[in-house]
Amino acid sequence: MGYIPLGVAGLAAKQNYVASPSQKIHPFAIFLFTICIIIGIVGLLIIVGPEGEDAKALPGLGWFFGWMILGFIFMFCLKVADQWDRVAVLRFGKFCGIYGPGPFMLIPFVDTIGKWTDIRVRAADLLAEQTLTRDTVPVNVDAVMFWMVYDPKKAALEVENYQEAVTWAAQTALRDIIGKTELADLLVGRDVIDAALEKLIDSRTEPWGVTVQSVEVRDIRIPQELQDTMSRQAQAERERQARIILGDSERQIADSFAEASKAYLKNPTALHLRAMNMLFEGLKEKGSLMIVPSSAIDSMNLGGLVGLASGEGLMKQLTEGEDGGKGDGENPPKDITQ
């Protein structure tokens, strides 16, 4: 908690004053100090009396200063730790214990507070700029790390500033991992990179009472020239895959035709039926023209079929002409024998 020490409220508002651990004063301690001062003043007035007798002045002052000292003890020795705070207390310079959460008292002139430690999970940004990968490609990597203090005693006694130490350890670990990884693995294997980073950072911060919850790589930026080269390479790879698939399809079609030719070789009737079906499908469309080799017509005996179709068309024209002649007397139907 960032309680402002008594007497520096104006300075803190102007200069963003940061209180040291031993200067944190809880509002409840200030309230007790005020109560003690009021009791001291009221007792002094009662003891001295309205006439202000000199014989009673000394006991009255003793009463007042006694309550004032008690008030100062409450204000500077009564501490309250929040639910997420842990406090390392030193007694004559030696570690005494970890206190919190809740209120606790310090022995005046004997106990001192070593460090207030926040045990909540924290997030730290990790940025590695122009770091060379294993295949000497400069990259900018942006990551985020989630960590927390699991042992307030180690965080207070083993390292001077655990927050700064964790940040620097994470930054160097990120650069180490990038230097040992090739660009292709860095781009496609983020899960592996995250796990390796978490393990490496956790091994470095464990002696300080800090554990790493997770490390996540958010962004990897490479030079624009390399991006263009990789884009062309990916396009060429896609074209190669497309040609391979097309060739494989052609091979499968050729195999199918080979199997069909074997079946038609042993059964000419099936071949003729297939050819007639192809002709039928082609002639269904209006105005379609299909050129058929004469050898095919002879082999499938299609001459009679073509003649029959032609005769049917001629009879249809004659029928239409007779219907028209009956309706129009001036234009009788022509003699087809002429």
C-alpha atoms as a PDB file:
ATOM      1  CA  MET A   1       0.000   0.000   0.000  1.00  0.00           C
ATOM      2  CA  GLY A   2       1.255   3.482  -0.785  1.00  0.00           C
ATOM      3  CA  TYR A   3       0.359   5.311   2.448  1.00  0.00           C
ATOM      4  CA  ILE A   4       1.790   8.826   2.664  1.00  0.00           C
ATOM      5  CA  PRO A   5       3.973   9.566   5.695  1.00  0.00           C
ATOM      6  CA  LEU A   6       2.703  12.235   8.056  1.00  0.00           C
ATOM      7  CA  GLY A   7       4.013  15.709   7.240  1.00  0.00           C
ATOM      8  CA  VAL A   8       4.933  15.107   3.598  1.00  0.00           C
ATOM      9  CA  ALA A   9       1.483  15.046   2.005  1.00  0.00           C
ATOM     10  CA  GLY A  10       2.026  18.308   0.131  1.00  0.00           C
ATOM     11  CA  LEU A  11       5.484  17.216  -1.070  1.00  0.00           C
ATOM     12  CA  ALA A  12       4.120  13.885  -2.268  1.00  0.00           C
ATOM     13  CA  ALA A  13       1.375  15.563  -4.263  1.00  0.00           C
ATOM     14  CA  LYS A  14       3.877  17.821  -6.053  1.00  0.00           C
ATOM     15  CA  GLN A  15       6.883  15.541  -6.545  1.00  0.00           C
ATOM     16  CA  ASN A  16       5.277  12.041  -6.681  1.00  0.00           C
ATOM     17  CA  TYR A  17       6.896  11.140  -3.375  1.00  0.00           C
ATOM     18  CA  VAL A  18       7.393   7.403  -2.906  1.00  0.00           C
ATOM     19  CA  ALA A  19       7.398   6.297   0.711  1.00  0.00           C
ATOM     20  CA  SER A  20       9.987   3.809   1.899  1.00  0.00           C
ATOM     21  CA  PRO A  21       8.746   0.584   3.530  1.00  0.00           C
ATOM     22  CA  SER A  22       9.401   1.817   7.073  1.00  0.00           C
ATOM     23  CA  GLN A  23       7.478   5.077   6.448  1.00  0.00           C
ATOM     24  CA  LYS A  24       4.164   3.558   5.437  1.00  0.00           C
ATOM     25  CA  ILE A  25       1.532   4.736   7.890  1.00  0.00           C
ATOM     26  CA  HIS A  26      -1.945   3.273   7.930  1.00  0.00           C
ATOM     27  CA  PRO A  27      -4.958   5.589   8.452  1.00  0.00           C
ATOM     28  CA  PHE A  28      -5.976   3.523  11.499  1.00  0.00           C
ATOM     29  CA  ALA A  29      -2.606   4.311  13.131  1.00  0.00           C
ATOM     30  CA  ILE A  30      -3.156   8.016  12.492  1.00  0.00           C
ATOM     31  CA  PHE A  31      -6.617   7.695  14.047  1.00  0.00           C
ATOM     32  CA  LEU A  32      -5.145   6.103  17.205  1.00  0.00           C
ATOM     33  CA  PHE A  33      -2.496   8.824  17.376  1.00  0.00           C
ATOM     34  CA  THR A  34      -5.210  11.493  17.221  1.00  0.00           C
ATOM     35  CA  ILE A  35      -7.212   9.796  19.960  1.00  0.00           C
ATOM     36  CA  CYS A  36      -4.143   9.621  22.203  1.00  0.00           C
ATOM     37  CA  ILE A  37      -3.397  13.340  21.687  1.00  0.00           C
ATOM     38  CA  ILE A  38      -7.008  14.260  22.474  1.00  0.00           C
ATOM     39  CA  ILE A  39      -6.960  12.139  25.629  1.00  0.00           C
ATOM     40  CA  GLY A  40      -3.667  13.748  26.667  1.00  0.00           C
ATOM     41  CA  ILE A  41      -4.973  17.279  26.170  1.00  0.00           C
ATOM     42  CA  VAL A  42      -8.278  16.582  27.938  1.00  0.00           C
ATOM     43  CA  GLY A  43      -6.466  14.919  30.862  1.00  0.00           C
ATOM     44  CA  LEU A  44      -4.023  17.812  31.098  1.00  0.00           C
ATOM     45  CA  LEU A  45      -6.889  20.319  31.338  1.00  0.00           C
ATOM     46  CA  ILE A  46      -8.676  18.234  33.938  1.00  0.00           C
ATOM     47  CA  ILE A  47      -5.556  17.724  36.099  1.00  0.00           C
ATOM     48  CA  VAL A  48      -4.423  21.348  35.994  1.00  0.00           C
ATOM     49  CA  GLY A  49      -7.944  22.599  36.483  1.00  0.00           C
ATOM     50  CA  PRO A  50      -9.496  25.885  35.415  1.00  0.00           C
ATOM     51  CA  GLU A  51      -7.365  27.897  37.858  1.00  0.00           C
ATOM     52  CA  GLY A  52      -4.101  26.516  36.465  1.00  0.00           C
ATOM     53  CA  GLU A  53      -2.431  25.546  39.747  1.00  0.00           C
ATOM     54  CA  ASP A  54       1.347  25.211  39.474  1.00  0.00           C
ATOM     55  CA  ALA A  55       1.457  22.192  41.770  1.00  0.00           C
ATOM     56  CA  LYS A  56      -0.657  20.181  39.345  1.00  0.00           C
ATOM     57  CA  ALA A  57       1.126  21.340  36.195  1.00  0.00           C
ATOM     58  CA  LEU A  58       3.885  18.724  36.391  1.00  0.00           C
ATOM     59  CA  PRO A  59       1.529  15.709  36.735  1.00  0.00           C
ATOM     60  CA  GLY A  60      -0.629  17.142  33.955  1.00  0.00           C
ATOM     61  CA  LEU A  61       2.351  17.479  31.601  1.00  0.00           C
ATOM     62  CA  GLY A  62       3.431  13.940  32.476  1.00  0.00           C
ATOM     63  CA  TRP A  63      -0.042  12.702  31.588  1.00  0.00           C
ATOM     64  CA  PHE A  64      -0.011  14.590  28.278  1.00  0.00           C
ATOM     65  CA  PHE A  65       3.477  13.482  27.196  1.00  0.00           C
ATOM     66  CA  GLY A  66       2.723   9.892  28.183  1.00  0.00           C
ATOM     67  CA  TRP A  67      -0.308   9.764  25.883  1.00  0.00           C
ATOM     68  CA  MET A  68       1.589  11.574  23.167  1.00  0.00           C
ATOM     69  CA  ILE A  69       4.399   8.981  23.264  1.00  0.00           C
ATOM     70  CA  LEU A  70       1.801   6.210  23.133  1.00  0.00           C
ATOM     71  CA  GLY A  71       0.230   7.919  20.127  1.00  0.00           C
ATOM     72  CA  PHE A  72       3.598   8.064  18.343  1.00  0.00           C
ATOM     73  CA  ILE A  73       4.160   4.381  19.084  1.00  0.00           C
ATOM     74  CA  PHE A  74       0.806   3.532  17.501  1.00  0.00           C
ATOM     75  CA  MET A  75       1.487   5.735  14.487  1.00  0.00           C
ATOM     76  CA  PHE A  76       4.963   4.439  13.659  1.00  0.00           C
ATOM     77  CA  CYS A  77       4.862   0.889  15.051  1.00  0.00           C
ATOM     78  CA  LEU A  78       1.367  -0.258  14.118  1.00  0.00           C
ATOM     79  CA  LYS A  79       1.401  -1.569  10.542  1.00  0.00           C
ATOM     80  CA  VAL A  80      -1.355  -3.086   8.421  1.00  0.00           C
ATOM     81  CA  ALA A  81      -0.528  -5.299   5.436  1.00  0.00           C
ATOM     82  CA  ASP A  82      -3.063  -5.765   2.656  1.00  0.00           C
ATOM     83  CA  GLN A  83      -4.232  -9.187   1.519  1.00  0.00           C
ATOM     84  CA  TRP A  84      -1.621  -9.271  -1.284  1.00  0.00           C
ATOM     85  CA  ASP A  85       1.252  -7.840   0.801  1.00  0.00           C
ATOM     86  CA  ARG A  86       3.899  -9.673   2.792  1.00  0.00           C
ATOM     87  CA  VAL A  87       6.336  -7.790   5.036  1.00  0.00           C
ATOM     88  CA  ALA A  88       9.861  -8.904   5.955  1.00  0.00           C
ATOM     89  CA  VAL A  89      10.756  -7.669   9.477  1.00  0.00           C
ATOM     90  CA  LEU A  90      14.321  -7.389  10.808  1.00  0.00           C
ATOM     91  CA  ARG A  91      15.172  -7.370  14.496  1.00  0.00           C
ATOM     92  CA  PHE A  92      18.529  -5.814  15.277  1.00  0.00           C
ATOM     93  CA  GLY A  93      19.368  -6.271  11.593  1.00  0.00           C
ATOM     94  CA  LYS A  94      18.553 -10.006  11.499  1.00  0.00           C
ATOM     95  CA  PHE A  95      15.594 -11.582   9.799  1.00  0.00           C
ATOM     96  CA  CYS A  96      12.720 -11.947  12.238  1.00  0.00           C
ATOM     97  CA  GLY A  97       9.799 -13.159  10.134  1.00  0.00           C
ATOM     98  CA  ILE A  98       7.253 -12.509   7.423  1.00  0.00           C
ATOM     99  CA  TYR A  99       4.118 -10.664   8.549  1.00  0.00           C
ATOM    100  CA  GLY A 100       0.772 -10.133   6.857  1.00  0.00           C
ATOM    101  CA  PRO A 101      -1.868  -9.884   5.793  1.00  0.00           C
ATOM    102  CA  GLY A 102      -3.510  -7.839   8.548  1.00  0.00           C
ATOM    103  CA  PRO A 103      -2.205  -5.642  11.412  1.00  0.00           C
ATOM    104  CA  PHE A 104       1.055  -6.250  13.278  1.00  0.00           C
ATOM    105  CA  MET A 105       3.201  -4.304  15.740  1.00  0.00           C
ATOM    106  CA  LEU A 106       6.887  -3.446  15.621  1.00  0.00           C
ATOM    107  CA  ILE A 107       8.991  -3.172  18.742  1.00  0.00           C
ATOM    108  CA  PRO A 108      10.158   0.460  18.915  1.00  0.00           C
ATOM    109  CA  PHE A 109      13.863   0.997  18.189  1.00  0.00           C
ATOM    110  CA  VAL A 110      14.317  -2.776  17.768  1.00  0.00           C
ATOM    111  CA  ASP A 111      12.336  -3.910  14.735  1.00  0.00           C
ATOM    112  CA  THR A 112      12.628  -2.487  11.245  1.00  0.00           C
ATOM    113  CA  ILE A 113      10.836  -3.331   8.027  1.00  0.00           C
ATOM    114  CA  GLY A 114      13.078  -4.821   5.357  1.00  0.00           C
ATOM    115  CA  LYS A 115      10.711  -4.934   2.375  1.00  0.00           C
ATOM    116  CA  TRP A 116       7.061  -4.912   1.438  1.00  0.00           C
ATOM    117  CA  THR A 117       6.439  -7.612  -1.181  1.00  0.00           C
ATOM    118  CA  ASP A 118       3.452  -7.866  -3.495  1.00  0.00           C
ATOM    119  CA  ILE A 119       2.654 -11.541  -4.199  1.00  0.00           C
ATOM    120  CA  ARG A 120       0.118 -10.924  -6.976  1.00  0.00           C
ATOM    121  CA  VAL A 121       0.763 -12.003 -10.562  1.00  0.00           C
ATOM    122  CA  ARG A 122       2.463  -9.293 -12.591  1.00  0.00           C
ATOM    123  CA  ALA A 123       3.001  -8.750 -16.309  1.00  0.00           C
ATOM    124  CA  ALA A 124       6.252  -7.586 -17.876  1.00  0.00           C
ATOM    125  CA  ASP A 125       6.905  -6.616 -21.499  1.00  0.00           C
ATOM    126  CA  LEU A 126       9.936  -8.209 -23.138  1.00  0.00           C
ATOM    127  CA  LEU A 127      11.421  -6.651 -26.278  1.00  0.00           C
ATOM    128  CA  ALA A 128      14.439  -7.860 -28.231  1.00  0.00           C
ATOM    129  CA  GLU A 129      15.404  -5.493 -31.059  1.00  0.00           C
ATOM    130  CA  GLN A 130      17.695  -6.391 -33.956  1.00  0.00           C
ATOM    131  CA  THR A 131      18.619  -9.732 -32.427  1.00  0.00           C
ATOM    132  CA  LEU A 132      20.345 -12.237 -34.709  1.00  0.00           C
ATOM    133  CA  THR A 133      18.890 -15.709 -35.060  1.00  0.00           C
ATOM    134  CA  ARG A 134      20.984 -18.830 -35.496  1.00  0.00           C
ATOM    135  CA  ASP A 135      20.986 -18.323 -39.276  1.00  0.00           C
ATOM    136  CA  THR A 136      22.077 -14.639 -38.852  1.00  0.00           C
ATOM    137  CA  VAL A 137      18.730 -12.960 -39.593  1.00  0.00           C
ATOM    138  CA  PRO A 138      17.979  -9.784 -37.584  1.00  0.00           C
ATOM    139  CA  VAL A 139      14.526  -9.921 -35.967  1.00  0.00           C
ATOM    140  CA  ASN A 140      12.516  -7.867 -33.483  1.00  0.00           C
ATOM    141  CA  VAL A 141      10.632 -10.028 -30.991  1.00  0.00           C
ATOM    142  CA  ASP A 142       7.923  -8.740 -28.665  1.00  0.00           C
ATOM    143  CA  ALA A 143       6.794 -10.967 -25.788  1.00  0.00           C
ATOM    144  CA  VAL A 144       4.928 -10.735 -22.483  1.00  0.00           C
ATOM    145  CA  MET A 145       5.795 -12.553 -19.262  1.00  0.00           C
ATOM    146  CA  PHE A 146       3.540 -13.296 -16.276  1.00  0.00           C
ATOM    147  CA  TRP A 147       5.334 -13.868 -12.986  1.00  0.00           C
ATOM    148  CA  MET A 148       4.793 -13.707  -9.220  1.00  0.00           C
ATOM    149  CA  VAL A 149       6.688 -13.904  -5.932  1.00  0.00           C
ATOM    150  CA  TYR A 150       6.110 -17.231  -4.224  1.00  0.00           C
ATOM    151  CA  ASP A 151       8.691 -16.805  -1.415  1.00  0.00           C
ATOM    152  CA  PRO A 152       8.731 -13.274   0.095  1.00  0.00           C
ATOM    153  CA  LYS A 153      11.700 -14.184   2.298  1.00  0.00           C
ATOM    154  CA  LYS A 154      13.981 -14.939  -0.659  1.00  0.00           C
ATOM    155  CA  ALA A 155      12.712 -11.879  -2.526  1.00  0.00           C
ATOM    156  CA  ALA A 156      13.627  -9.696   0.439  1.00  0.00           C
ATOM    157  CA  LEU A 157      16.968 -11.259   1.420  1.00  0.00           C
ATOM    158  CA  GLU A 158      18.506 -12.787  -1.718  1.00  0.00           C
ATOM    159  CA  VAL A 159      18.246  -9.890  -4.187  1.00  0.00           C
ATOM    160  CA  GLU A 160      18.304  -6.129  -3.803  1.00  0.00           C
ATOM    161  CA  ASN A 161      15.581  -5.285  -6.354  1.00  0.00           C
ATOM    162  CA  TYR A 162      13.799  -8.412  -7.496  1.00  0.00           C
ATOM    163  CA  GLN A 163      11.594  -6.597 -10.017  1.00  0.00           C
ATOM    164  CA  GLU A 164      14.543  -5.165 -11.929  1.00  0.00           C
ATOM    165  CA  ALA A 165      16.453  -8.446 -11.642  1.00  0.00           C
ATOM    166  CA  VAL A 166      13.544 -10.446 -13.081  1.00  0.00           C
ATOM    167  CA  THR A 167      13.165  -8.026 -15.998  1.00  0.00           C
ATOM    168  CA  TRP A 168      16.852  -8.176 -16.924  1.00  0.00           C
ATOM    169  CA  ALA A 169      16.965 -11.955 -16.567  1.00  0.00           C
ATOM    170  CA  ALA A 170      13.962 -12.297 -18.880  1.00  0.00           C
ATOM    171  CA  GLN A 171      15.456  -9.945 -21.476  1.00  0.00           C
ATOM    172  CA  THR A 172      18.752 -11.849 -21.636  1.00  0.00           C
ATOM    173  CA  ALA A 173      16.933 -15.198 -21.738  1.00  0.00           C
ATOM    174  CA  LEU A 174      14.849 -14.007 -24.688  1.00  0.00           C
ATOM    175  CA  ARG A 175      17.976 -12.990 -26.602  1.00  0.00           C
ATOM    176  CA  ASP A 176      19.646 -16.315 -25.778  1.00  0.00           C
ATOM    177  CA  ILE A 177      16.694 -18.298 -27.116  1.00  0.00           C
ATOM    178  CA  ILE A 178      16.541 -16.230 -30.314  1.00  0.00           C
ATOM    179  CA  GLY A 179      20.280 -16.685 -30.907  1.00  0.00           C
ATOM    180  CA  LYS A 180      19.929 -20.467 -30.640  1.00  0.00           C
ATOM    181  CA  THR A 181      16.875 -20.752 -32.925  1.00  0.00           C
ATOM    182  CA  GLU A 182      16.639 -20.544 -36.698  1.00  0.00           C
ATOM    183  CA  LEU A 183      14.177 -18.131 -38.283  1.00  0.00           C
ATOM    184  CA  ALA A 184      11.899 -20.862 -39.675  1.00  0.00           C
ATOM    185  CA  ASP A 185      11.580 -22.512 -36.254  1.00  0.00           C
ATOM    186  CA  LEU A 186      11.009 -19.121 -34.645  1.00  0.00           C
ATOM    187  CA  LEU A 187       8.115 -18.330 -36.984  1.00  0.00           C
ATOM    188  CA  VAL A 188       6.281 -21.662 -36.878  1.00  0.00           C
ATOM    189  CA  GLY A 189       7.218 -23.007 -33.433  1.00  0.00           C
ATOM    190  CA  ARG A 190       6.025 -20.311 -31.047  1.00  0.00           C
ATOM    191  CA  ASP A 191       4.689 -22.824 -28.542  1.00  0.00           C
ATOM    192  CA  VAL A 192       8.110 -24.447 -28.302  1.00  0.00           C
ATOM    193  CA  ILE A 193       9.776 -21.025 -27.929  1.00  0.00           C
ATOM    194  CA  ASP A 194       7.307 -20.036 -25.189  1.00  0.00           C
ATOM    195  CA  ALA A 195       7.967 -23.228 -23.233  1.00  0.00           C
ATOM    196  CA  ALA A 196      11.742 -22.879 -23.579  1.00  0.00           C
ATOM    197  CA  LEU A 197      11.626 -19.244 -22.443  1.00  0.00           C
ATOM    198  CA  GLU A 198       9.465 -20.070 -19.434  1.00  0.00           C
ATOM    199  CA  LYS A 199      11.803 -22.864 -18.339  1.00  0.00           C
ATOM    200  CA  LEU A 200      14.962 -20.768 -18.791  1.00  0.00           C
ATOM    201  CA  ILE A 201      13.640 -17.669 -17.006  1.00  0.00           C
ATOM    202  CA  ASP A 202      12.158 -19.720 -14.179  1.00  0.00           C
ATOM    203  CA  SER A 203      15.507 -21.438 -13.574  1.00  0.00           C
ATOM    204  CA  ARG A 204      17.199 -18.041 -13.257  1.00  0.00           C
ATOM    205  CA  THR A 205      14.601 -16.418 -10.978  1.00  0.00           C
ATOM    206  CA  GLU A 206      13.873 -19.390  -8.698  1.00  0.00           C
ATOM    207  CA  PRO A 207      16.708 -18.503  -6.231  1.00  0.00           C
ATOM    208  CA  TRP A 208      15.040 -15.095  -5.756  1.00  0.00           C
ATOM    209  CA  GLY A 209      11.687 -16.570  -4.745  1.00  0.00           C
ATOM    210  CA  VAL A 210      10.092 -15.702  -8.090  1.00  0.00           C
ATOM    211  CA  THR A 211       8.237 -18.119 -10.362  1.00  0.00           C
ATOM    212  CA  VAL A 212       7.225 -17.565 -13.985  1.00  0.00           C
ATOM    213  CA  GLN A 213       3.613 -18.403 -14.806  1.00  0.00           C
ATOM    214  CA  SER A 214       3.885 -18.146 -18.595  1.00  0.00           C
ATOM    215  CA  VAL A 215       5.747 -16.429 -21.414  1.00  0.00           C
ATOM    216  CA  GLU A 216       3.990 -15.624 -24.692  1.00  0.00           C
ATOM    217  CA  VAL A 217       5.584 -14.300 -27.885  1.00  0.00           C
ATOM    218  CA  ARG A 218       3.230 -11.655 -29.268  1.00  0.00           C
ATOM    219  CA  ASP A 219       4.955 -10.506 -32.453  1.00  0.00           C
ATOM    220  CA  ILE A 220       7.996 -11.307 -34.596  1.00  0.00           C
ATOM    221  CA  ARG A 221       9.081  -8.632 -37.073  1.00  0.00           C
ATOM    222  CA  ILE A 222      11.605  -9.329 -39.832  1.00  0.00           C
ATOM    223  CA  PRO A 223      13.131  -6.945 -42.421  1.00  0.00           C
ATOM    224  CA  GLN A 224      10.905  -5.938 -45.351  1.00  0.00           C
ATOM    225  CA  GLU A 225      13.362  -7.299 -47.941  1.00  0.00           C
ATOM    226  CA  LEU A 226      13.281 -10.689 -46.279  1.00  0.00           C
ATOM    227  CA  GLN A 227       9.483 -10.608 -46.174  1.00  0.00           C
ATOM    228  CA  ASP A 228       9.380 -10.056 -49.960  1.00  0.00           C
ATOM    229  CA  THR A 229      11.830 -12.909 -50.519  1.00  0.00           C
ATOM    230  CA  MET A 230       9.835 -15.270 -48.301  1.00  0.00           C
ATOM    231  CA  SER A 231       6.645 -14.274 -50.110  1.00  0.00           C
ATOM    232  CA  ARG A 232       8.139 -15.134 -53.495  1.00  0.00           C
ATOM    233  CA  GLN A 233       9.467 -18.397 -52.123  1.00  0.00           C
ATOM    234  CA  ALA A 234       6.030 -19.321 -50.768  1.00  0.00           C
ATOM    235  CA  GLN A 235       4.415 -18.465 -54.100  1.00  0.00           C
ATOM    236  CA  ALA A 236       6.918 -20.631 -55.989  1.00  0.00           C
ATOM    237  CA  GLU A 237       6.293 -23.478 -53.566  1.00  0.00           C
ATOM    238  CA  ARG A 238       2.529 -23.214 -54.112  1.00  0.00           C
ATOM    239  CA  GLU A 239       3.007 -23.271 -57.895  1.00  0.00           C
ATOM    240  CA  ARG A 240       5.215 -26.345 -57.586  1.00  0.00           C
ATOM    241  CA  GLN A 241       2.593 -28.115 -55.493  1.00  0.00           C
ATOM    242  CA  ALA A 242      -0.106 -27.176 -58.033  1.00  0.00           C
ATOM    243  CA  ARG A 243       1.940 -28.630 -60.911  1.00  0.00           C
ATOM    244  CA  ILE A 244       2.558 -31.815 -58.956  1.00  0.00           C
ATOM    245  CA  ILE A 245      -1.152 -32.197 -58.246  1.00  0.00           C
ATOM    246  CA  LEU A 246      -2.014 -31.540 -61.909  1.00  0.00           C
ATOM    247  CA  GLY A 247       0.517 -34.127 -63.101  1.00  0.00           C
ATOM    248  CA  ASP A 248      -0.818 -36.669 -60.635  1.00  0.00           C
ATOM    249  CA  SER A 249      -4.364 -36.014 -61.886  1.00  0.00           C
ATOM    250  CA  GLU A 250      -3.257 -36.511 -65.504  1.00  0.00           C
ATOM    251  CA  ARG A 251      -1.605 -39.794 -64.574  1.00  0.00           C
ATOM    252  CA  GLN A 252      -4.754 -41.013 -62.843  1.00  0.00           C
ATOM    253  CA  ILE A 253      -6.870 -40.056 -65.882  1.00  0.00           C
ATOM    254  CA  ALA A 254      -4.460 -41.887 -68.213  1.00  0.00           C
ATOM    255  CA  ASP A 255      -4.644 -44.970 -65.999  1.00  0.00           C
ATOM    256  CA  SER A 256      -8.445 -44.826 -66.132  1.00  0.00           C
ATOM    257  CA  PHE A 257      -8.416 -44.584 -69.923  1.00  0.00           C
ATOM    258  CA  ALA A 258      -6.022 -47.512 -70.108  1.00  0.00           C
ATOM    259  CA  GLU A 259      -8.349 -49.637 -67.977  1.00  0.00           C
ATOM    260  CA  ALA A 260     -11.353 -48.573 -70.115  1.00  0.00           C
ATOM    261  CA  SER A 261      -9.532 -49.431 -73.353  1.00  0.00           C
ATOM    262  CA  LYS A 262      -8.884 -52.945 -72.064  1.00  0.00           C
ATOM    263  CA  ALA A 263     -12.600 -53.380 -71.354  1.00  0.00           C
ATOM    264  CA  TYR A 264     -13.669 -52.007 -74.765  1.00  0.00           C
ATOM    265  CA  LEU A 265     -11.089 -54.200 -76.547  1.00  0.00           C
ATOM    266  CA  LYS A 266     -12.835 -57.349 -75.364  1.00  0.00           C
ATOM    267  CA  ASN A 267     -16.379 -55.984 -75.946  1.00  0.00           C
ATOM    268  CA  PRO A 268     -16.884 -54.057 -79.243  1.00  0.00           C
ATOM    269  CA  THR A 269     -20.592 -53.666 -78.578  1.00  0.00           C
ATOM    270  CA  ALA A 270     -19.876 -51.674 -75.455  1.00  0.00           C
ATOM    271  CA  LEU A 271     -17.541 -49.433 -77.459  1.00  0.00           C
ATOM    272  CA  HIS A 272     -20.277 -48.814 -80.068  1.00  0.00           C
ATOM    273  CA  LEU A 273     -22.814 -47.990 -77.364  1.00  0.00           C
ATOM    274  CA  ARG A 274     -20.373 -45.579 -75.771  1.00  0.00           C
ATOM    275  CA  ALA A 275     -19.726 -43.865 -79.116  1.00  0.00           C
ATOM    276  CA  MET A 276     -23.444 -43.553 -79.821  1.00  0.00           C
ATOM    277  CA  ASN A 277     -24.001 -42.104 -76.385  1.00  0.00           C
ATOM    278  CA  MET A 278     -21.302 -39.499 -77.028  1.00  0.00           C
ATOM    279  CA  LEU A 279     -22.991 -38.583 -80.358  1.00  0.00           C
ATOM    280  CA  PHE A 280     -26.359 -38.314 -78.666  1.00  0.00           C
ATOM    281  CA  GLU A 281     -24.995 -36.051 -75.943  1.00  0.00           C
ATOM    282  CA  GLY A 282     -23.332 -33.853 -78.553  1.00  0.00           C
ATOM    283  CA  LEU A 283     -26.412 -33.534 -80.826  1.00  0.00           C
ATOM    284  CA  LYS A 284     -28.834 -32.652 -78.013  1.00  0.00           C
ATOM    285  CA  GLU A 285     -27.836 -28.972 -78.164  1.00  0.00           C
ATOM    286  CA  LYS A 286     -29.483 -26.851 -80.887  1.00  0.00           C
ATOM    287  CA  GLY A 287     -27.245 -25.800 -83.719  1.00  0.00           C
ATOM    288  CA  SER A 288     -24.507 -28.178 -82.671  1.00  0.00           C
ATOM    289  CA  LEU A 289     -22.210 -29.589 -85.309  1.00  0.00           C
ATOM    290  CA  MET A 290     -20.238 -32.748 -84.796  1.00  0.00           C
ATOM    291  CA  ILE A 291     -17.652 -34.102 -87.204  1.00  0.00           C
ATOM    292  CA  VAL A 292     -17.425 -37.892 -87.125  1.00  0.00           C
ATOM    293  CA  PRO A 293     -14.827 -39.883 -89.072  1.00  0.00           C
ATOM    294  CA  SER A 294     -16.248 -42.024 -91.863  1.00  0.00           C
ATOM    295  CA  SER A 295     -14.469 -45.059 -90.446  1.00  0.00           C
ATOM    296  CA  ALA A 296     -16.414 -44.644 -87.229  1.00  0.00           C
ATOM    297  CA  ILE A 297     -19.691 -44.448 -89.139  1.00  0.00           C
ATOM    298  CA  ASP A 298     -18.861 -47.615 -91.067  1.00  0.00           C
ATOM    299  CA  SER A 299     -17.685 -49.522 -88.014  1.00  0.00           C
ATOM    300  CA  MET A 300     -20.760 -48.609 -85.971  1.00  0.00           C
ATOM    301  CA  ASN A 301     -23.206 -48.879 -88.954  1.00  0.00           C
ATOM    302  CA  LEU A 302     -24.346 -45.306 -88.398  1.00  0.00           C
ATOM    303  CA  GLY A 303     -25.168 -44.683 -92.091  1.00  0.00           C
ATOM    304  CA  GLY A 304     -28.717 -45.995 -91.778  1.00  0.00           C
ATOM    305  CA  LEU A 305     -29.205 -44.021 -88.589  1.00  0.00           C
ATOM    306  CA  VAL A 306     -28.112 -40.785 -90.271  1.00  0.00           C
ATOM    307  CA  GLY A 307     -30.376 -41.460 -93.285  1.00  0.00           C
ATOM    308  CA  LEU A 308     -33.320 -42.181 -91.020  1.00  0.00           C
ATOM    309  CA  ALA A 309     -32.726 -38.912 -89.180  1.00  0.00           C
ATOM    310  CA  SER A 310     -32.535 -37.000 -92.491  1.00  0.00           C
ATOM    311  CA  GLY A 311     -35.753 -38.593 -93.756  1.00  0.00           C
ATOM    312  CA  GLU A 312     -37.546 -37.687 -90.587  1.00  0.00           C
ATOM    313  CA  GLY A 313     -36.485 -34.053 -91.021  1.00  0.00           C
ATOM    314  CA  LEU A 314     -37.696 -33.983 -94.667  1.00  0.00           C
ATOM    315  CA  MET A 315     -41.104 -35.384 -93.762  1.00  0.00           C
ATOM    316  CA  LYS A 316     -41.451 -32.723 -91.077  1.00  0.00           C
ATOM    317  CA  GLN A 317     -40.791 -29.974 -93.663  1.00  0.00           C
ATOM    318  CA  LEU A 318     -43.386 -31.459 -96.067  1.00  0.00           C
ATOM    319  CA  THR A 319     -46.011 -31.632 -93.357  1.00  0.00           C
ATOM    320  CA  GLU A 320     -45.454 -27.992 -92.457  1.00  0.00           C
ATOM    321  CA  GLY A 321     -45.714 -27.004 -96.185  1.00  0.00           C
ATOM    322  CA  GLU A 322     -49.090 -28.763 -96.643  1.00  0.00           C
ATOM    323  CA  ASP A 323     -50.542 -27.060 -93.596  1.00  0.00           C
ATOM    324  CA  GLY A 324     -49.458 -23.685 -94.935  1.00  0.00           C
ATOM    325  CA  GLY A 325     -50.938 -24.308 -98.460  1.00  0.00           C
ATOM    326  CA  LYS A 326     -54.394 -25.135 -97.130  1.00  0.00           C
ATOM    327  CA  GLY A 327     -54.526 -21.893 -95.235  1.00  0.00           C
ATOM    328  CA  ASP A 328     -53.413 -19.689 -98.178  1.00  0.00           C
ATOM    329  CA  GLY A 329     -55.179 -20.039-101.571  1.00  0.00           C
ATOM    330  CA  GLU A 330     -52.953 -17.688-103.446  1.00  0.00           C
ATOM    331  CA  ASN A 331     -49.800 -19.696-102.694  1.00  0.00           C
ATOM    332  CA  PRO A 332     -50.549 -23.394-103.243  1.00  0.00           C
ATOM    333  CA  PRO A 333     -48.004 -25.935-102.151  1.00  0.00           C
ATOM    334  CA  LYS A 334     -45.262 -26.690-104.568  1.00  0.00           C
ATOM    335  CA  ASP A 335     -44.827 -30.058-106.198  1.00  0.00           C
ATOM    336  CA  ILE A 336     -41.820 -31.655-104.658  1.00  0.00           C
ATOM    337  CA  THR A 337     -41.323 -33.815-107.771  1.00  0.00           C
ATOM    338  CA  GLN A 338     -40.357 -30.832-109.849  1.00  0.00           C
END
